[in-house]
N, C-alpha and C. Protein backbone atom coordinates (compact mmCIF):
# COMPACT_ATOMS: atom_id res chain seq x y z
N MET A 1 9.32 0.11 9.45
CA MET A 1 8.43 -0.92 10.41
C MET A 1 7.10 -0.22 10.45
N LYS A 2 6.16 -0.61 10.00
CA LYS A 2 4.77 -0.13 10.83
C LYS A 2 4.62 -0.66 12.08
N THR A 3 3.83 0.49 12.95
CA THR A 3 3.57 0.07 14.07
C THR A 3 2.30 -0.67 14.06
N ILE A 4 2.03 -1.47 15.17
CA ILE A 4 0.91 -2.32 15.35
C ILE A 4 -0.07 -1.15 14.98
N GLU A 5 -0.26 -0.37 15.22
CA GLU A 5 -1.77 0.51 15.57
C GLU A 5 -1.62 1.10 13.90
N THR A 6 -0.52 0.88 13.04
CA THR A 6 -1.00 1.29 11.37
C THR A 6 -1.49 -0.38 10.92
N ARG A 7 -1.08 -1.42 11.59
CA ARG A 7 -1.65 -2.33 11.00
C ARG A 7 -2.68 -2.72 11.11
N ARG A 8 -3.38 -2.45 12.44
CA ARG A 8 -4.84 -2.15 13.10
C ARG A 8 -5.48 -1.47 11.87
N ALA A 9 -5.10 -0.11 11.62
CA ALA A 9 -5.83 0.89 10.84
C ALA A 9 -5.81 0.26 9.76
N THR A 10 -4.93 -0.39 8.83
CA THR A 10 -4.60 -1.20 7.57
C THR A 10 -6.25 -2.45 7.64
N LEU A 11 -6.13 -3.22 8.68
CA LEU A 11 -6.90 -4.22 8.56
C LEU A 11 -8.59 -3.68 8.71
N MET A 12 -8.68 -2.40 9.78
CA MET A 12 -10.03 -1.66 9.94
C MET A 12 -10.67 -1.28 8.94
N LYS A 13 -9.79 -0.67 8.11
CA LYS A 13 -9.80 -0.19 6.28
C LYS A 13 -10.65 -1.15 5.68
N ARG A 14 -10.00 -2.06 5.68
CA ARG A 14 -10.18 -3.25 4.52
C ARG A 14 -11.61 -3.99 5.18
N LEU A 15 -11.86 -4.25 6.38
CA LEU A 15 -12.80 -4.68 7.04
C LEU A 15 -14.13 -3.89 6.27
N SER A 16 -13.83 -2.49 6.40
CA SER A 16 -15.19 -1.62 5.95
C SER A 16 -15.48 -1.90 4.60
N GLU A 17 -14.57 -1.79 3.72
CA GLU A 17 -14.40 -1.78 2.54
C GLU A 17 -15.30 -3.09 1.97
N LEU A 18 -14.82 -4.22 2.82
CA LEU A 18 -15.43 -5.47 2.74
C LEU A 18 -17.18 -5.25 2.68
N ASP A 19 -17.31 -4.94 4.04
CA ASP A 19 -18.44 -4.62 4.60
C ASP A 19 -19.42 -3.97 3.71
N ALA A 20 -18.98 -2.84 2.82
CA ALA A 20 -19.54 -1.96 2.03
C ALA A 20 -19.80 -2.67 0.62
N ARG A 21 -19.01 -3.70 0.28
CA ARG A 21 -19.12 -5.01 -0.97
C ARG A 21 -19.88 -5.65 -0.58
N LEU A 22 -20.08 -6.34 0.58
CA LEU A 22 -21.15 -7.31 0.92
C LEU A 22 -22.39 -6.61 1.17
N HIS A 23 -22.85 -5.26 1.31
CA HIS A 23 -23.86 -4.78 1.31
C HIS A 23 -24.58 -4.79 -0.15
N ALA A 24 -23.62 -4.40 -0.79
CA ALA A 24 -23.98 -4.10 -2.64
C ALA A 24 -24.17 -5.28 -2.66
N ILE A 25 -23.57 -6.48 -2.62
CA ILE A 25 -23.92 -7.67 -3.11
C ILE A 25 -25.06 -8.30 -2.86
N GLU A 26 -25.45 -7.93 -1.45
CA GLU A 26 -26.48 -8.50 -0.70
C GLU A 26 -27.80 -7.60 -1.65
N SER A 27 -27.73 -6.54 -1.79
CA SER A 27 -28.49 -5.54 -2.28
C SER A 27 -28.79 -6.38 -4.04
N GLU A 28 -27.76 -6.45 -4.63
CA GLU A 28 -27.93 -6.98 -5.93
C GLU A 28 -29.00 -8.08 -6.11
N LEU A 29 -28.46 -9.13 -5.05
CA LEU A 29 -29.04 -10.33 -4.87
C LEU A 29 -30.72 -10.11 -4.66
N GLU A 30 -31.04 -9.00 -3.86
CA GLU A 30 -32.10 -8.80 -3.58
C GLU A 30 -33.37 -8.23 -4.76
N GLN A 31 -32.51 -7.94 -5.84
CA GLN A 31 -33.63 -7.45 -6.78
C GLN A 31 -34.24 -8.61 -7.66
N PRO A 32 -35.37 -8.23 -7.92
CA PRO A 32 -36.05 -9.24 -8.27
C PRO A 32 -35.78 -9.62 -10.04
N HIS A 33 -36.19 -10.89 -10.34
CA HIS A 33 -35.54 -11.04 -11.61
C HIS A 33 -36.62 -11.04 -12.67
N THR A 34 -36.23 -10.93 -13.95
CA THR A 34 -37.08 -10.68 -14.86
C THR A 34 -38.12 -11.41 -15.15
N LYS A 35 -39.15 -11.45 -16.01
CA LYS A 35 -39.82 -12.85 -16.44
C LYS A 35 -39.09 -13.32 -17.85
N ASP A 36 -38.49 -12.82 -18.63
CA ASP A 36 -38.04 -13.70 -19.97
C ASP A 36 -37.01 -14.26 -19.38
N TRP A 37 -37.45 -15.66 -20.09
CA TRP A 37 -36.31 -17.09 -19.53
C TRP A 37 -34.91 -16.78 -19.68
N ASP A 38 -34.29 -16.19 -20.95
CA ASP A 38 -33.05 -15.70 -21.31
C ASP A 38 -32.46 -14.73 -20.62
N ASP A 39 -33.15 -13.67 -20.05
CA ASP A 39 -32.83 -13.07 -19.28
C ASP A 39 -32.60 -13.54 -18.07
N GLN A 40 -33.72 -14.27 -17.61
CA GLN A 40 -33.37 -14.99 -16.24
C GLN A 40 -32.12 -15.95 -16.14
N ALA A 41 -31.83 -16.59 -16.96
CA ALA A 41 -31.10 -17.61 -17.20
C ALA A 41 -29.60 -16.60 -16.70
N ILE A 42 -29.38 -15.43 -17.41
CA ILE A 42 -28.52 -14.53 -17.35
C ILE A 42 -28.18 -14.15 -16.02
N GLU A 43 -29.44 -13.71 -15.41
CA GLU A 43 -29.35 -13.20 -14.06
C GLU A 43 -28.91 -13.97 -12.93
N THR A 44 -29.39 -15.29 -13.37
CA THR A 44 -29.34 -16.55 -12.31
C THR A 44 -27.49 -16.93 -12.18
N GLU A 45 -27.20 -16.69 -13.48
CA GLU A 45 -25.77 -17.03 -13.57
C GLU A 45 -24.88 -15.84 -12.67
N GLY A 46 -25.45 -14.46 -13.05
CA GLY A 46 -24.95 -13.58 -12.73
C GLY A 46 -25.13 -13.92 -11.03
N ASP A 47 -26.16 -14.00 -10.37
CA ASP A 47 -26.41 -14.29 -8.97
C ASP A 47 -25.39 -15.10 -8.33
N GLN A 48 -25.14 -16.21 -9.08
CA GLN A 48 -24.20 -17.21 -8.66
C GLN A 48 -22.53 -16.56 -8.45
N VAL A 49 -22.16 -15.84 -9.16
CA VAL A 49 -20.96 -15.10 -9.14
C VAL A 49 -21.17 -14.22 -8.10
N LEU A 50 -22.11 -13.43 -7.91
CA LEU A 50 -21.79 -12.60 -6.67
C LEU A 50 -22.19 -13.62 -5.40
N GLU A 51 -23.00 -14.18 -5.36
CA GLU A 51 -22.76 -15.39 -4.45
C GLU A 51 -21.28 -15.83 -3.94
N ARG A 52 -20.65 -16.19 -4.91
CA ARG A 52 -19.20 -16.69 -4.99
C ARG A 52 -18.28 -15.29 -4.45
N LEU A 53 -18.92 -14.23 -4.77
CA LEU A 53 -17.72 -13.13 -4.35
C LEU A 53 -18.10 -12.93 -2.96
N GLY A 54 -19.59 -13.27 -2.33
CA GLY A 54 -19.90 -12.83 -1.12
C GLY A 54 -19.28 -13.67 -0.45
N GLN A 55 -19.03 -14.84 -0.53
CA GLN A 55 -18.44 -15.93 0.07
C GLN A 55 -17.08 -15.66 0.53
N THR A 56 -16.16 -15.44 -0.59
CA THR A 56 -14.93 -14.83 -0.60
C THR A 56 -14.68 -13.77 0.63
N GLY A 57 -15.61 -12.55 0.33
CA GLY A 57 -15.26 -11.49 1.37
C GLY A 57 -15.48 -12.14 2.87
N LEU A 58 -16.69 -12.78 2.96
CA LEU A 58 -16.97 -13.46 4.07
C LEU A 58 -15.99 -14.21 4.79
N ASP A 59 -14.71 -15.00 3.96
CA ASP A 59 -13.98 -15.45 4.29
C ASP A 59 -13.00 -14.47 4.61
N GLU A 60 -12.78 -13.59 3.95
CA GLU A 60 -11.66 -12.45 4.05
C GLU A 60 -11.78 -11.80 5.90
N ILE A 61 -13.28 -11.47 5.76
CA ILE A 61 -13.66 -10.85 7.30
C ILE A 61 -13.14 -11.88 8.22
N ARG A 62 -13.48 -12.99 7.86
CA ARG A 62 -13.11 -13.80 9.05
C ARG A 62 -11.34 -13.78 9.27
N HIS A 63 -10.75 -14.02 8.59
CA HIS A 63 -9.17 -13.64 8.51
C HIS A 63 -9.15 -12.17 8.72
N ILE A 64 -9.47 -11.10 8.60
CA ILE A 64 -9.28 -10.14 9.44
C ILE A 64 -9.48 -9.83 10.80
N MET A 65 -10.60 -10.75 11.22
CA MET A 65 -11.29 -10.57 12.70
C MET A 65 -10.27 -11.51 13.35
N ALA A 66 -9.75 -12.36 12.89
CA ALA A 66 -9.07 -13.52 13.52
C ALA A 66 -7.43 -12.37 13.80
N ALA A 67 -7.04 -11.65 12.81
CA ALA A 67 -5.83 -10.83 12.77
C ALA A 67 -5.88 -9.70 13.93
N LEU A 68 -6.78 -9.07 13.78
CA LEU A 68 -7.65 -8.02 14.97
C LEU A 68 -7.30 -8.78 16.28
N ASP A 69 -8.10 -10.11 17.01
CA ASP A 69 -7.63 -10.65 17.93
C ASP A 69 -6.53 -10.95 18.16
N ARG A 70 -5.50 -11.57 17.01
CA ARG A 70 -4.13 -11.64 17.64
C ARG A 70 -3.50 -10.20 17.79
N ILE A 71 -4.16 -9.09 17.29
CA ILE A 71 -3.47 -7.84 17.81
C ILE A 71 -3.88 -7.65 19.42
N LYS A 72 -5.08 -7.94 19.75
CA LYS A 72 -5.49 -7.53 21.03
C LYS A 72 -4.56 -8.89 21.91
N ALA A 73 -4.58 -9.93 21.46
CA ALA A 73 -3.78 -10.76 22.23
C ALA A 73 -2.09 -10.70 22.38
N GLY A 74 -1.72 -9.87 21.55
CA GLY A 74 -0.24 -9.24 21.55
C GLY A 74 0.71 -10.50 20.56
N THR A 75 -0.13 -11.17 20.02
CA THR A 75 0.56 -12.30 18.90
C THR A 75 0.53 -12.00 17.43
N TYR A 76 0.00 -10.93 17.10
CA TYR A 76 0.03 -10.42 15.64
C TYR A 76 1.13 -10.58 15.30
N GLY A 77 1.59 -10.84 14.27
CA GLY A 77 2.87 -11.06 13.53
C GLY A 77 3.82 -12.07 13.71
N THR A 78 3.30 -12.69 14.42
CA THR A 78 3.81 -13.87 14.98
C THR A 78 3.13 -15.03 14.45
N CYS A 79 3.76 -16.56 14.11
CA CYS A 79 3.33 -17.35 12.88
C CYS A 79 2.44 -18.33 14.03
N VAL A 80 1.19 -18.73 13.75
CA VAL A 80 0.34 -19.48 14.84
C VAL A 80 0.92 -21.09 14.73
N THR A 81 1.81 -21.41 13.72
CA THR A 81 2.15 -22.46 13.38
C THR A 81 3.29 -23.10 14.25
N CYS A 82 4.61 -22.05 13.64
CA CYS A 82 5.52 -22.27 14.27
C CYS A 82 6.31 -21.32 15.64
N GLY A 83 5.75 -20.42 15.37
CA GLY A 83 5.95 -19.18 16.25
C GLY A 83 6.82 -18.49 16.16
N ALA A 84 7.29 -18.36 14.62
CA ALA A 84 8.46 -17.33 14.38
C ALA A 84 7.98 -16.21 13.81
N ARG A 85 8.75 -14.98 13.54
CA ARG A 85 8.14 -13.52 13.33
C ARG A 85 7.61 -13.83 11.81
N ILE A 86 6.86 -13.35 11.63
CA ILE A 86 6.25 -13.22 10.21
C ILE A 86 6.91 -11.53 9.44
N SER A 87 7.55 -11.79 8.63
CA SER A 87 8.27 -10.66 7.99
C SER A 87 7.44 -9.30 7.64
N GLU A 88 8.25 -8.26 7.73
CA GLU A 88 7.21 -6.99 7.68
C GLU A 88 6.81 -7.07 6.25
N GLU A 89 7.55 -7.38 5.28
CA GLU A 89 7.29 -7.74 3.88
C GLU A 89 6.00 -8.00 3.78
N ARG A 90 5.87 -9.24 4.20
CA ARG A 90 4.78 -10.17 4.24
C ARG A 90 3.56 -9.60 4.87
N LEU A 91 3.66 -9.02 5.68
CA LEU A 91 2.54 -8.34 6.45
C LEU A 91 1.84 -7.28 5.71
N ASP A 92 3.01 -6.72 4.58
CA ASP A 92 2.60 -5.53 3.77
C ASP A 92 1.89 -5.95 3.17
N VAL A 93 2.15 -7.49 2.47
CA VAL A 93 0.95 -7.64 1.44
C VAL A 93 -0.32 -8.58 1.69
N LEU A 94 -0.07 -9.33 2.76
CA LEU A 94 -0.87 -9.67 3.30
C LEU A 94 -1.10 -9.69 5.07
N PRO A 95 -1.60 -8.23 5.21
CA PRO A 95 -1.80 -7.74 6.96
C PRO A 95 -2.70 -8.79 7.53
N ALA A 96 -3.33 -9.86 7.27
CA ALA A 96 -4.20 -10.73 7.96
C ALA A 96 -3.80 -12.13 8.39
N THR A 97 -2.73 -12.58 7.17
CA THR A 97 -2.02 -13.47 7.53
C THR A 97 -1.53 -14.18 9.09
N PRO A 98 -1.99 -15.51 9.09
CA PRO A 98 -1.44 -16.20 10.80
C PRO A 98 -0.05 -16.80 10.31
N PHE A 99 0.34 -17.01 9.35
CA PHE A 99 1.57 -17.80 8.93
C PHE A 99 2.77 -17.08 8.40
N CYS A 100 3.91 -17.40 8.72
CA CYS A 100 5.16 -17.18 8.41
C CYS A 100 5.30 -17.75 6.70
N LYS A 101 5.87 -17.12 6.11
CA LYS A 101 6.14 -17.70 4.75
C LYS A 101 6.68 -18.97 4.50
N THR A 102 7.62 -19.68 5.40
CA THR A 102 7.44 -21.12 5.39
C THR A 102 6.23 -22.24 5.58
N CYS A 103 5.63 -21.43 6.93
CA CYS A 103 4.26 -22.26 7.00
C CYS A 103 3.41 -21.98 6.38
N ALA A 104 3.20 -20.97 5.38
CA ALA A 104 2.01 -20.91 4.39
C ALA A 104 2.26 -21.85 3.34
N ALA A 105 3.84 -21.77 2.58
CA ALA A 105 3.77 -22.67 1.93
C ALA A 105 3.35 -24.29 2.15
N ALA A 106 3.76 -24.46 3.27
CA ALA A 106 3.42 -26.20 3.71
C ALA A 106 1.70 -26.15 3.63
N HIS A 107 0.87 -25.37 4.02
CA HIS A 107 -0.42 -25.42 3.99
C HIS A 107 -0.75 -25.26 2.72
């Protein structure tokens, strides 16, 4: 059984990784486009992929921040829907999850 401090450290590490990734995406998106139409079309498509990845990263950051708030509140590991204990195995795989397996399936 992992301690709450270990869980917090895992979440903080992932937060740091996401922050670095988002900065890299921002930097890439700020690069000027070429003037060649074919290359510009490819670059635009690449930018759209990067923007989706960035949005996914921002969503994950919001989930992590909410999990850190639950740690502070003393409710981490408790399902926000039904109040049941979230299994250690589930928290190992999805450390920011606010739901037990049953409630997650219902969402």
